[in-house]
Amino acid sequence: MFKRKKIGQLLIEAGHVGEKELNIALAEQKKRGKRIGQVLIELGYLTEDKLLPTLGKQLKVPFVDLTKVEIKPEVLKMVPEKICRKHILVPISFDGKSLMIGMADPLDVFIIDEIQFQNNCEVVRAICSENQIADTTDKLYVAGAMADALSAMGVGDEDVGGGALDGLKKASEETPIIKLVNLVLTSAVQKGASDIHIEPDEGELRVRLRIDGSLLIAMNLQPEALPSVMSRIKILSGMDISERRLPQDGRIQMVIMDKPIDFRVNTIPTAWGEKACLRILDKSNVNVALDQMGFSPTNFEKVQKAIGSPNGMCLVTGPTGSGKTTTLYACLNAIKGPDINICTVENPVEYKLKFINQVQVRAEIDLNFSTVLRAFLRQDPDVIMLGEIRDEETASIAVEAALTGHLVFATLHTNDAPSTAIRLVDMGVEPFLVSSAFLCIVSQRLARRVCKFCKDVDTTITPETLVDLGLPPEAINETYYRGKGCEKCAKTGYKGRVGVHEVMYTHENLRRMIIQKVGPDDLKNEAVRLGMKCLKDDIVVKFQQGQTTPEEVFALARAD
């Protein structure tokens, strides 16, 4: 009986990996529980463009590069979109007898049988990149939905009013428009975007996604679709579809890829029509563990010690989009339980957490941070979290709470940890109260992470680059990495982000200096002397570990 060669052996024969790398990956595979090819890619020993043809050889199926084939609309219709997305496949060609299907997993024989039965034809399997399949289905099904949507619409991009409003509402509820909007939302979630921008421009309707902090053009729609697309979004988010002159806010709740997803929606009028921005809130990201936040061992130990205290104040600082709220949620997740009363005041409440009493600020009825905070103190709290400290009143109440037996978490907009303590004093809180209350201040940024799927040795690093990073020139003998750019990272070389931190933990010297109202530079120098690693120190270590690149180090330095 013929025995199929193992993929590891085939990769060695093809010269794609060595025996040493394979043995390391096999040992790591036992820990990760993934397929050996995936482990080799994650370890940086292999790239997908070398793995897939070798897998095809092992499974005796052809490898097809979807960027080099043209799929006809009639072929696409032979397999429903829902099946394509669920099983990560796409129909490629049909010769009248055989239908070729590109699959991420050609061993999924049950779906092959189903497709054969539905089309009454033979199915030929091919292996394709999972990312290429996702991009191809997005592109082709959006194009089909776009054509159907335009033919279904009863209005154009002229001003809508009077009797046309009913037609617009009807058009937005037609199946093609529903399908088109769902495709945009689903595609964004699949790509790991944090925001969706649907923006009209002269002669086009552009969809951009913010992925890992950068905006990328995802697709271009026909400008004629704008009124119906906007009306569909407004209906889903509970907005007034007749109001096009003023900004509006709303919220959409959907289940995508078996995950509950919330979209926080805002629309504004622009010169070329209304623009929508949708913030994606993935509830599956709420339960992130503190040890997955990217803290160095020393910083992790400091944060753990602080959140284990019965009282005091822990602050997280940084610019908008630096992951402050996620870090606070991770802290709360680490300590929450049925035996502890946690109360939060947020604006808005983005994620709902079990065992936590969350209150949303409502400025229109004077339900602000300070009002809620005062009420919390009568709710027998153990832990209080403030979404943001914005004024003297809120700061004073928070410090008072921290000094009267409560553990207080909050965020503040400052550049670094030392200046945060000074900011509270500048707000009007007495220095001796600030010094007594503070436990730990975390300043945080996010750096783009090197894509693990195309990670390769970086041969462009020079001794001059290392000196600019604050490293000695002889460190050139170490190995550094960067992403070459692949389909999974949209050719950027980055996928995902890693936290960069500066943690200032309480110390008698620091408390005394806060009381003395020293400047932030003096406070920072003393914190560094006591062992604090600055943001740049932390990101340089992450660069040395192969997690990020010099460009991200320099970008952080420019931003600060």
Protein backbone atom coordinates (compact mmCIF):
# COMPACT_ATOMS: atom_id res chain seq x y z
CA MET A 1 0.00 0.00 0.00
CA PHE A 2 1.31 3.44 -0.99
CA LYS A 3 2.34 5.53 2.02
CA ARG A 4 2.10 9.31 1.65
CA LYS A 5 5.26 11.22 2.51
CA LYS A 6 4.99 13.54 5.49
CA ILE A 7 4.91 17.25 4.74
CA GLY A 8 8.06 17.85 6.81
CA GLN A 9 10.02 15.39 4.69
CA LEU A 10 8.77 17.01 1.47
CA LEU A 11 9.73 20.48 2.73
CA ILE A 12 13.25 19.26 3.52
CA GLU A 13 13.54 17.59 0.07
CA ALA A 14 12.45 20.84 -1.58
CA GLY A 15 15.06 22.76 0.40
CA HIS A 16 12.49 24.98 2.10
CA VAL A 17 13.49 24.05 5.68
CA GLY A 18 16.33 22.20 7.37
CA GLU A 19 16.14 19.23 9.74
CA LYS A 20 17.06 21.43 12.70
CA GLU A 21 14.20 23.86 12.02
CA LEU A 22 11.76 20.98 11.47
CA ASN A 23 12.70 19.34 14.78
CA ILE A 24 12.23 22.64 16.63
CA ALA A 25 8.83 23.06 14.97
CA LEU A 26 7.79 19.48 15.81
CA ALA A 27 8.59 20.10 19.48
CA GLU A 28 6.67 23.38 19.38
CA GLN A 29 3.75 21.70 17.60
CA LYS A 30 3.06 19.58 20.70
CA LYS A 31 2.59 22.77 22.72
CA ARG A 32 0.53 24.69 20.16
CA GLY A 33 -1.61 21.87 18.80
CA LYS A 34 -1.46 23.24 15.23
CA ARG A 35 -0.45 21.72 11.90
CA ILE A 36 3.29 21.56 11.34
CA GLY A 37 3.18 23.90 8.33
CA GLN A 38 1.42 26.58 10.35
CA VAL A 39 3.95 26.22 13.17
CA LEU A 40 6.88 26.55 10.75
CA ILE A 41 5.35 29.76 9.37
CA GLU A 42 4.75 31.19 12.85
CA LEU A 43 8.35 30.45 13.80
CA GLY A 44 9.58 32.29 10.72
CA TYR A 45 11.17 29.20 9.12
CA LEU A 46 8.77 29.00 6.18
CA THR A 47 6.51 31.19 4.04
CA GLU A 48 3.06 30.33 2.75
CA ASP A 49 4.10 30.62 -0.91
CA LYS A 50 6.51 27.70 -0.35
CA LEU A 51 4.23 25.67 1.90
CA LEU A 52 1.13 25.53 -0.31
CA PRO A 53 2.71 24.06 -3.48
CA THR A 54 4.42 21.45 -1.29
CA LEU A 55 1.12 20.64 0.42
CA GLY A 56 -0.46 20.31 -3.01
CA LYS A 57 2.26 17.85 -3.99
CA GLN A 58 1.64 15.83 -0.83
CA LEU A 59 -2.14 15.75 -1.33
CA LYS A 60 -1.83 15.30 -5.12
CA VAL A 61 -3.91 18.40 -5.88
CA PRO A 62 -2.77 21.42 -7.93
CA PHE A 63 -1.81 24.72 -6.31
CA VAL A 64 -3.61 27.70 -7.86
CA ASP A 65 -2.55 31.32 -7.46
CA LEU A 66 -5.91 33.14 -7.47
CA THR A 67 -4.28 36.45 -8.42
CA LYS A 68 -3.51 34.93 -11.83
CA VAL A 69 -6.94 33.50 -12.71
CA GLU A 70 -10.16 35.12 -13.89
CA ILE A 71 -13.34 33.67 -12.41
CA LYS A 72 -16.44 34.11 -14.54
CA PRO A 73 -19.70 35.30 -12.90
CA GLU A 74 -21.58 32.16 -14.01
CA VAL A 75 -18.98 29.97 -12.29
CA LEU A 76 -19.25 32.00 -9.09
CA LYS A 77 -23.00 31.39 -8.99
CA MET A 78 -22.49 27.62 -8.85
CA VAL A 79 -21.52 27.79 -5.16
CA PRO A 80 -23.45 29.96 -2.65
CA GLU A 81 -21.47 32.72 -0.97
CA LYS A 82 -22.39 31.36 2.48
CA ILE A 83 -20.70 28.02 1.70
CA CYS A 84 -17.63 29.76 0.26
CA ARG A 85 -17.13 31.79 3.42
CA LYS A 86 -17.96 29.00 5.87
CA HIS A 87 -15.63 26.44 4.27
CA ILE A 88 -13.02 28.90 2.91
CA LEU A 89 -13.30 27.94 -0.74
CA VAL A 90 -14.11 29.52 -4.09
CA PRO A 91 -15.21 28.08 -7.47
CA ILE A 92 -12.49 28.71 -10.07
CA SER A 93 -13.58 27.27 -13.42
CA PHE A 94 -16.14 24.98 -15.10
CA ASP A 95 -15.54 23.18 -18.40
CA GLY A 96 -19.06 21.76 -18.74
CA LYS A 97 -18.22 18.56 -16.89
CA SER A 98 -15.82 19.40 -14.05
CA LEU A 99 -15.99 22.25 -11.55
CA MET A 100 -12.63 23.26 -10.06
CA ILE A 101 -12.84 24.44 -6.45
CA GLY A 102 -9.99 26.32 -4.74
CA MET A 103 -9.81 25.32 -1.08
CA ALA A 104 -7.77 26.24 1.98
CA ASP A 105 -8.40 22.67 3.20
CA PRO A 106 -8.68 20.21 0.28
CA LEU A 107 -9.34 17.38 2.78
CA ASP A 108 -12.83 18.73 3.53
CA VAL A 109 -14.47 15.95 1.49
CA PHE A 110 -17.96 16.41 2.91
CA ILE A 111 -18.43 19.83 1.36
CA ILE A 112 -17.04 18.48 -1.93
CA ASP A 113 -19.78 15.83 -1.93
CA GLU A 114 -22.40 18.50 -1.23
CA ILE A 115 -21.20 20.74 -4.10
CA GLN A 116 -21.12 17.74 -6.47
CA PHE A 117 -24.69 16.85 -5.51
CA GLN A 118 -25.98 20.42 -5.91
CA ASN A 119 -24.39 20.93 -9.34
CA ASN A 120 -24.61 17.35 -10.63
CA CYS A 121 -21.03 17.45 -11.85
CA GLU A 122 -17.57 16.26 -10.93
CA VAL A 123 -15.60 18.50 -8.54
CA VAL A 124 -11.84 18.89 -8.91
CA ARG A 125 -9.98 20.17 -5.85
CA ALA A 126 -7.16 22.73 -5.83
CA ILE A 127 -5.25 24.19 -2.89
CA CYS A 128 -5.21 27.98 -2.53
CA SER A 129 -4.11 30.62 -0.05
CA GLU A 130 -6.73 31.23 2.62
CA ASN A 131 -6.12 34.96 2.36
CA GLN A 132 -6.42 34.92 -1.43
CA ILE A 133 -9.72 33.05 -1.12
CA ALA A 134 -11.06 35.68 1.30
CA ASP A 135 -9.92 38.55 -0.97
CA THR A 136 -11.36 36.86 -4.07
CA THR A 137 -14.76 36.17 -2.50
CA ASP A 138 -14.88 39.74 -1.18
CA LYS A 139 -14.04 41.19 -4.58
CA LEU A 140 -16.32 38.99 -6.68
CA TYR A 141 -19.35 38.87 -4.41
CA VAL A 142 -19.17 42.63 -3.75
CA ALA A 143 -19.06 43.23 -7.52
CA GLY A 144 -22.09 40.98 -7.99
CA ALA A 145 -23.97 42.56 -5.12
CA MET A 146 -23.05 46.02 -6.44
CA ALA A 147 -24.54 45.26 -9.86
CA ASP A 148 -27.70 43.80 -8.29
CA ALA A 149 -27.98 46.75 -5.92
CA LEU A 150 -27.75 49.36 -8.69
CA SER A 151 -30.46 47.62 -10.71
CA ALA A 152 -32.67 47.34 -7.62
CA MET A 153 -32.38 51.00 -6.58
CA GLY A 154 -35.16 53.38 -7.49
CA VAL A 155 -33.15 56.55 -6.68
CA GLY A 156 -29.82 58.02 -7.71
CA ASP A 157 -27.38 60.27 -5.93
CA GLU A 158 -29.52 63.40 -6.28
CA ASP A 159 -31.02 65.11 -3.24
CA VAL A 160 -33.62 62.91 -1.65
CA GLY A 161 -36.79 64.45 -0.32
CA GLY A 162 -40.55 64.25 -0.40
CA GLY A 163 -41.86 61.16 -2.16
CA ALA A 164 -38.32 59.97 -2.95
CA LEU A 165 -37.78 59.24 0.76
CA ASP A 166 -40.12 56.26 0.66
CA GLY A 167 -38.34 54.99 -2.43
CA LEU A 168 -34.98 55.35 -0.73
CA LYS A 169 -36.18 53.46 2.34
CA LYS A 170 -37.57 50.70 0.11
CA ALA A 171 -34.33 50.53 -1.89
CA SER A 172 -32.28 50.25 1.30
CA GLU A 173 -34.38 47.27 2.36
CA GLU A 174 -33.99 45.43 -0.96
CA THR A 175 -32.01 42.19 -0.70
CA PRO A 176 -29.10 43.41 -2.93
CA ILE A 177 -28.48 46.48 -0.74
CA ILE A 178 -28.73 44.38 2.43
CA LYS A 179 -26.26 41.93 0.91
CA LEU A 180 -23.87 44.70 -0.14
CA VAL A 181 -23.78 46.36 3.30
CA ASN A 182 -23.43 42.97 5.01
CA LEU A 183 -20.48 42.18 2.75
CA VAL A 184 -18.74 45.42 3.70
CA LEU A 185 -19.26 44.79 7.43
CA THR A 186 -18.32 41.09 7.27
CA SER A 187 -15.20 41.74 5.20
CA ALA A 188 -14.00 44.35 7.71
CA VAL A 189 -14.44 41.98 10.66
CA GLN A 190 -12.68 39.15 8.80
CA LYS A 191 -9.71 41.41 8.07
CA GLY A 192 -9.42 42.44 11.73
CA ALA A 193 -10.25 46.11 11.12
CA SER A 194 -10.97 48.48 14.00
CA ASP A 195 -12.85 51.07 11.90
CA ILE A 196 -14.75 51.24 8.61
CA HIS A 197 -14.85 54.50 6.62
CA ILE A 198 -17.52 54.71 3.90
CA GLU A 199 -16.67 57.98 2.21
CA PRO A 200 -17.93 59.65 -0.97
CA ASP A 201 -15.54 61.54 -3.22
CA GLU A 202 -15.74 63.03 -6.67
CA GLY A 203 -16.99 60.23 -8.91
CA GLU A 204 -16.43 57.41 -6.40
CA LEU A 205 -17.60 55.82 -3.18
CA ARG A 206 -14.61 54.53 -1.24
CA VAL A 207 -14.45 52.02 1.61
CA ARG A 208 -11.33 52.21 3.78
CA LEU A 209 -10.44 50.03 6.75
CA ARG A 210 -8.19 50.88 9.67
CA ILE A 211 -6.07 47.78 10.26
CA ASP A 212 -3.29 47.79 12.86
CA GLY A 213 -3.56 51.57 13.10
CA SER A 214 -3.19 52.26 9.35
CA LEU A 215 -5.93 53.13 6.85
CA LEU A 216 -6.07 50.94 3.74
CA ILE A 217 -8.44 51.14 0.75
CA ALA A 218 -10.54 47.96 0.83
CA MET A 219 -12.93 48.50 -2.08
CA ASN A 220 -14.50 51.08 -4.37
CA LEU A 221 -18.26 51.10 -4.84
CA GLN A 222 -20.37 52.87 -7.44
CA PRO A 223 -21.17 56.43 -6.23
CA GLU A 224 -24.82 55.89 -7.22
CA ALA A 225 -25.13 53.44 -4.34
CA LEU A 226 -24.39 56.05 -1.65
CA PRO A 227 -28.00 57.06 -0.75
CA SER A 228 -29.19 53.46 -0.38
CA VAL A 229 -26.06 52.30 1.44
CA MET A 230 -26.28 55.20 3.90
CA SER A 231 -30.01 54.61 4.41
CA ARG A 232 -29.37 50.93 5.12
CA ILE A 233 -26.70 51.81 7.69
CA LYS A 234 -29.01 54.38 9.30
CA ILE A 235 -31.87 51.89 9.52
CA LEU A 236 -29.60 49.27 11.10
CA SER A 237 -28.24 51.78 13.63
CA GLY A 238 -31.55 53.43 14.53
CA MET A 239 -30.88 56.82 12.90
CA ASP A 240 -33.24 59.16 11.04
CA ILE A 241 -32.87 58.42 7.33
CA SER A 242 -34.49 61.74 6.38
CA GLU A 243 -31.82 63.78 8.18
CA ARG A 244 -28.81 64.33 5.93
CA ARG A 245 -27.69 67.80 7.05
CA LEU A 246 -26.57 67.02 10.61
CA PRO A 247 -24.21 64.45 12.16
CA GLN A 248 -25.90 61.43 13.75
CA ASP A 249 -24.81 58.65 16.10
CA GLY A 250 -26.08 55.08 16.32
CA ARG A 251 -25.18 51.49 17.05
CA ILE A 252 -25.47 48.21 15.13
CA GLN A 253 -25.43 44.77 16.76
CA MET A 254 -24.74 41.74 14.57
CA VAL A 255 -23.35 38.22 14.73
CA ILE A 256 -20.47 37.77 12.27
CA MET A 257 -18.34 34.61 12.02
CA ASP A 258 -20.30 33.26 15.03
CA LYS A 259 -19.12 36.23 17.14
CA PRO A 260 -21.28 39.05 18.57
CA ILE A 261 -20.05 42.29 17.01
CA ASP A 262 -21.12 45.86 17.83
CA PHE A 263 -20.59 48.75 15.43
CA ARG A 264 -20.58 52.29 16.86
CA VAL A 265 -21.74 54.43 13.94
CA ASN A 266 -21.32 58.13 13.20
CA THR A 267 -22.42 59.98 10.05
CA ILE A 268 -21.45 63.47 8.91
CA PRO A 269 -22.34 65.54 5.82
CA THR A 270 -19.40 66.22 3.47
CA ALA A 271 -19.01 68.12 0.21
CA TRP A 272 -19.74 64.97 -1.83
CA GLY A 273 -22.48 63.50 0.37
CA GLU A 274 -22.74 61.78 3.72
CA LYS A 275 -19.82 59.85 5.15
CA ALA A 276 -20.14 57.03 7.70
CA CYS A 277 -17.52 55.87 10.17
CA LEU A 278 -18.14 52.59 12.00
CA ARG A 279 -16.01 51.62 15.03
CA ILE A 280 -15.91 47.81 15.30
CA LEU A 281 -16.29 46.46 18.84
CA ASP A 282 -15.51 42.74 18.88
CA LYS A 283 -16.86 41.35 22.14
CA SER A 284 -14.62 38.29 21.85
CA ASN A 285 -11.65 40.62 22.50
CA VAL A 286 -13.02 41.69 25.88
CA ASN A 287 -11.73 38.69 27.80
CA VAL A 288 -8.11 39.39 26.95
CA ALA A 289 -5.73 38.22 29.66
CA LEU A 290 -3.28 40.61 31.30
CA ASP A 291 -0.35 38.38 30.33
CA GLN A 292 -1.29 38.84 26.66
CA MET A 293 -0.93 42.62 26.73
CA GLY A 294 2.77 42.62 25.83
CA PHE A 295 4.18 43.65 29.23
CA SER A 296 7.83 42.81 29.83
CA PRO A 297 8.34 40.42 32.79
CA THR A 298 9.42 43.30 35.06
CA ASN A 299 6.50 45.54 34.06
CA PHE A 300 4.04 42.65 34.34
CA GLU A 301 5.21 41.98 37.89
CA LYS A 302 4.70 45.66 38.84
CA VAL A 303 1.19 45.79 37.35
CA GLN A 304 0.18 42.51 39.00
CA LYS A 305 1.36 43.80 42.37
CA ALA A 306 -0.58 47.05 41.93
CA ILE A 307 -3.90 45.47 40.94
CA GLY A 308 -3.59 43.07 43.86
CA SER A 309 -3.61 45.97 46.32
CA PRO A 310 -6.76 46.59 48.40
CA ASN A 311 -6.71 50.34 47.76
CA GLY A 312 -4.90 53.04 45.80
CA MET A 313 -4.92 54.40 42.25
CA CYS A 314 -3.73 52.75 39.02
CA LEU A 315 -3.65 55.03 35.97
CA VAL A 316 -3.24 54.12 32.29
CA THR A 317 -2.19 56.95 29.96
CA GLY A 318 -1.57 57.43 26.29
CA PRO A 319 -3.09 58.99 23.14
CA THR A 320 -6.41 57.95 21.59
CA GLY A 321 -6.18 54.50 20.05
CA SER A 322 -3.28 53.30 22.21
CA GLY A 323 -5.27 50.50 23.86
CA LYS A 324 -5.84 52.12 27.27
CA THR A 325 -9.37 50.75 27.69
CA THR A 326 -8.28 47.26 26.66
CA THR A 327 -5.54 47.32 29.30
CA LEU A 328 -8.02 48.45 31.97
CA TYR A 329 -10.44 45.67 30.99
CA ALA A 330 -7.56 43.18 31.20
CA CYS A 331 -6.85 44.41 34.74
CA LEU A 332 -10.51 44.07 35.71
CA ASN A 333 -10.70 40.60 34.16
CA ALA A 334 -7.72 39.57 36.29
CA ILE A 335 -9.47 40.47 39.56
CA LYS A 336 -13.23 40.21 38.90
CA GLY A 337 -15.36 37.51 40.51
CA PRO A 338 -18.50 36.88 42.57
CA ASP A 339 -16.75 38.05 45.75
CA ILE A 340 -15.77 41.54 44.58
CA ASN A 341 -17.94 44.57 43.73
CA ILE A 342 -16.57 46.38 40.65
CA CYS A 343 -18.23 49.57 39.34
CA THR A 344 -17.26 51.40 36.15
CA VAL A 345 -18.30 54.70 34.60
CA GLU A 346 -17.56 54.93 30.88
CA ASN A 347 -18.33 57.10 27.87
CA PRO A 348 -19.55 55.05 26.16
CA VAL A 349 -19.82 51.53 27.59
CA GLU A 350 -18.17 49.71 24.67
CA TYR A 351 -18.19 46.17 26.08
CA LYS A 352 -20.47 44.62 28.68
CA LEU A 353 -18.60 42.53 31.25
CA LYS A 354 -19.90 39.88 33.63
CA PHE A 355 -19.64 40.59 37.39
CA ILE A 356 -19.09 44.31 36.67
CA ASN A 357 -21.61 47.13 37.20
CA GLN A 358 -21.18 49.50 34.25
CA VAL A 359 -22.70 52.96 33.95
CA GLN A 360 -22.67 55.08 30.80
CA VAL A 361 -22.24 58.86 31.00
CA ARG A 362 -25.23 60.84 29.69
CA ALA A 363 -24.34 64.51 29.50
CA GLU A 364 -27.83 65.55 28.37
CA ILE A 365 -29.25 64.65 31.81
CA ASP A 366 -26.15 65.71 33.79
CA LEU A 367 -25.12 62.10 34.40
CA ASN A 368 -21.41 62.86 34.22
CA PHE A 369 -18.26 61.22 35.60
CA SER A 370 -18.27 63.08 38.90
CA THR A 371 -21.99 62.48 39.54
CA VAL A 372 -21.69 58.75 38.94
CA LEU A 373 -18.47 58.56 40.95
CA ARG A 374 -20.16 60.11 43.98
CA ALA A 375 -23.01 57.61 43.66
CA PHE A 376 -20.53 54.73 43.42
CA LEU A 377 -19.14 55.60 46.85
CA ARG A 378 -22.58 54.77 48.27
CA GLN A 379 -22.69 51.43 46.40
CA ASP A 380 -20.23 49.58 48.65
CA PRO A 381 -17.59 49.23 45.89
CA ASP A 382 -14.31 47.35 46.16
CA VAL A 383 -13.02 48.53 42.78
CA ILE A 384 -13.93 51.61 40.72
CA MET A 385 -12.96 52.26 37.10
CA LEU A 386 -13.22 55.69 35.48
CA GLY A 387 -13.20 55.82 31.70
CA GLU A 388 -11.32 59.11 31.85
CA ILE A 389 -10.31 61.80 34.35
CA ARG A 390 -11.13 65.10 32.65
CA ASP A 391 -11.50 67.74 35.37
CA GLU A 392 -10.52 68.70 38.90
CA GLU A 393 -13.78 67.53 40.46
CA THR A 394 -13.52 64.01 39.02
CA ALA A 395 -9.80 63.83 39.86
CA SER A 396 -10.40 64.89 43.47
CA ILE A 397 -13.20 62.38 44.04
CA ALA A 398 -11.14 59.57 42.45
CA VAL A 399 -8.14 60.34 44.68
CA GLU A 400 -10.41 60.51 47.73
CA ALA A 401 -11.88 57.10 46.83
CA ALA A 402 -8.38 55.63 46.46
CA LEU A 403 -7.47 56.92 49.92
CA THR A 404 -10.58 55.57 51.64
CA GLY A 405 -10.20 51.87 50.97
CA HIS A 406 -11.02 51.52 47.26
CA LEU A 407 -8.90 50.35 44.33
CA VAL A 408 -9.35 52.93 41.56
CA PHE A 409 -8.51 52.50 37.87
CA ALA A 410 -8.66 55.40 35.40
CA THR A 411 -7.24 56.76 32.14
CA LEU A 412 -5.64 60.12 31.48
CA HIS A 413 -4.29 61.77 28.33
CA THR A 414 -0.59 62.40 28.99
CA ASN A 415 2.62 61.54 27.14
CA ASP A 416 4.42 59.53 29.80
CA ALA A 417 4.01 58.08 33.29
CA PRO A 418 5.87 60.74 35.33
CA SER A 419 3.97 63.67 33.78
CA THR A 420 0.68 61.96 34.75
CA ALA A 421 1.30 62.47 38.47
CA ILE A 422 2.18 66.11 37.76
CA ARG A 423 -1.01 66.51 35.67
CA LEU A 424 -3.19 65.54 38.65
CA VAL A 425 -1.45 68.19 40.76
CA ASP A 426 -1.92 70.75 37.95
CA MET A 427 -5.63 69.87 37.91
CA GLY A 428 -5.89 71.13 41.47
CA VAL A 429 -5.52 67.97 43.55
CA GLU A 430 -3.28 68.49 46.60
CA PRO A 431 0.21 67.00 45.98
CA PHE A 432 0.23 65.08 49.29
CA LEU A 433 -3.08 63.41 48.28
CA VAL A 434 -1.73 62.43 44.85
CA SER A 435 1.48 61.03 46.36
CA SER A 436 -0.48 59.01 48.93
CA ALA A 437 -2.99 57.63 46.41
CA PHE A 438 -0.87 56.52 43.48
CA LEU A 439 0.16 52.87 43.15
CA CYS A 440 1.11 52.49 39.52
CA ILE A 441 1.05 54.59 36.34
CA VAL A 442 1.23 52.85 32.95
CA SER A 443 2.01 54.84 29.82
CA GLN A 444 1.12 52.81 26.73
CA ARG A 445 1.52 52.81 22.96
CA LEU A 446 0.88 50.24 20.23
CA ALA A 447 3.53 49.25 17.68
CA ARG A 448 2.87 47.24 14.55
CA ARG A 449 4.02 43.65 14.89
CA VAL A 450 6.15 41.90 12.25
CA CYS A 451 3.91 39.56 10.23
CA LYS A 452 4.59 36.00 11.37
CA PHE A 453 3.58 34.62 7.97
CA CYS A 454 6.30 36.41 5.99
CA LYS A 455 8.81 37.07 8.76
CA ASP A 456 12.36 36.91 7.45
CA VAL A 457 15.87 37.93 8.48
CA ASP A 458 16.36 41.69 8.01
CA THR A 459 19.55 42.30 6.04
CA THR A 460 19.02 46.07 5.79
CA ILE A 461 20.03 46.87 9.39
CA THR A 462 23.27 48.88 9.60
CA PRO A 463 25.48 49.84 12.57
CA GLU A 464 24.28 53.43 12.07
CA THR A 465 20.65 52.30 12.46
CA LEU A 466 21.51 50.53 15.70
CA VAL A 467 23.27 53.62 17.07
CA ASP A 468 20.16 55.70 16.25
CA LEU A 469 18.16 53.15 18.24
CA GLY A 470 20.49 53.54 21.21
CA LEU A 471 22.22 50.20 20.68
CA PRO A 472 25.98 49.62 20.31
CA PRO A 473 27.29 49.17 16.72
CA GLU A 474 28.57 45.67 17.56
CA ALA A 475 24.94 44.58 18.02
CA ILE A 476 24.98 44.22 14.22
CA ASN A 477 26.07 40.63 14.86
CA GLU A 478 22.64 39.80 16.25
CA THR A 479 19.76 38.60 14.05
CA TYR A 480 16.87 40.98 13.31
CA TYR A 481 13.59 40.41 11.46
CA ARG A 482 11.02 42.15 9.30
CA GLY A 483 8.07 41.04 7.17
CA LYS A 484 8.69 40.67 3.44
CA GLY A 485 5.02 41.44 2.70
CA CYS A 486 2.45 38.77 1.91
CA GLU A 487 -1.27 38.38 1.25
CA LYS A 488 -2.11 37.91 4.93
CA CYS A 489 -0.61 41.30 5.87
CA ALA A 490 -1.77 43.11 2.70
CA LYS A 491 1.90 43.36 1.59
CA THR A 492 2.72 45.65 4.53
CA GLY A 493 5.02 43.27 6.42
CA TYR A 494 3.02 43.88 9.61
CA LYS A 495 0.08 42.00 11.12
CA GLY A 496 -1.30 42.79 14.56
CA ARG A 497 0.15 45.12 17.16
CA VAL A 498 2.19 44.74 20.31
CA GLY A 499 1.90 46.86 23.45
CA VAL A 500 4.77 49.17 24.40
CA HIS A 501 4.81 50.22 28.05
CA GLU A 502 6.39 52.48 30.63
CA VAL A 503 5.43 51.52 34.19
CA MET A 504 6.14 53.83 37.13
CA TYR A 505 5.49 51.98 40.39
CA THR A 506 5.06 53.67 43.76
CA HIS A 507 8.22 54.41 45.80
CA GLU A 508 8.92 56.61 48.81
CA ASN A 509 11.35 58.80 46.81
CA LEU A 510 8.74 59.41 44.10
CA ARG A 511 6.04 60.21 46.67
CA ARG A 512 8.32 62.77 48.33
CA MET A 513 9.16 64.42 44.97
CA ILE A 514 5.46 64.71 44.06
CA ILE A 515 4.81 66.51 47.37
CA GLN A 516 7.73 68.83 46.57
CA LYS A 517 6.10 69.65 43.19
CA VAL A 518 9.21 68.80 41.16
CA GLY A 519 9.07 68.97 37.38
CA PRO A 520 8.23 65.91 35.23
CA ASP A 521 11.83 65.57 34.00
CA ASP A 522 13.20 65.31 37.54
CA LEU A 523 10.51 62.82 38.46
CA LYS A 524 11.29 60.79 35.34
CA ASN A 525 15.03 60.73 36.06
CA GLU A 526 14.41 59.41 39.56
CA ALA A 527 11.93 56.78 38.27
CA VAL A 528 14.53 55.61 35.74
CA ARG A 529 17.16 55.46 38.48
CA LEU A 530 14.77 53.26 40.46
CA GLY A 531 14.42 50.85 37.51
CA MET A 532 11.67 52.23 35.27
CA LYS A 533 12.16 51.46 31.57
CA CYS A 534 10.98 54.27 29.27
CA LEU A 535 8.73 53.67 26.26
CA LYS A 536 11.68 53.78 23.86
CA ASP A 537 13.62 51.27 25.98
CA ASP A 538 10.67 48.88 25.86
CA ILE A 539 10.10 49.11 22.11
CA VAL A 540 13.84 48.72 21.38
CA VAL A 541 13.79 45.45 23.37
CA LYS A 542 10.78 44.32 21.32
CA PHE A 543 12.74 45.18 18.17
CA GLN A 544 15.65 43.05 19.41
CA GLN A 545 13.19 40.21 20.07
CA GLY A 546 12.01 40.36 16.43
CA GLN A 547 8.55 41.66 17.29
CA THR A 548 8.77 45.00 15.47
CA THR A 549 11.04 47.11 13.25
CA PRO A 550 13.23 50.25 13.51
CA GLU A 551 10.58 52.20 11.59
CA GLU A 552 8.10 51.60 14.42
CA VAL A 553 10.70 52.66 17.00
CA PHE A 554 11.35 55.93 15.14
CA ALA A 555 7.59 56.49 14.62
CA LEU A 556 7.02 56.23 18.37
CA ALA A 557 9.87 58.66 19.05
CA ARG A 558 8.41 61.20 16.57
CA ALA A 559 4.93 60.90 18.07
CA ASP A 560 6.26 61.68 21.54
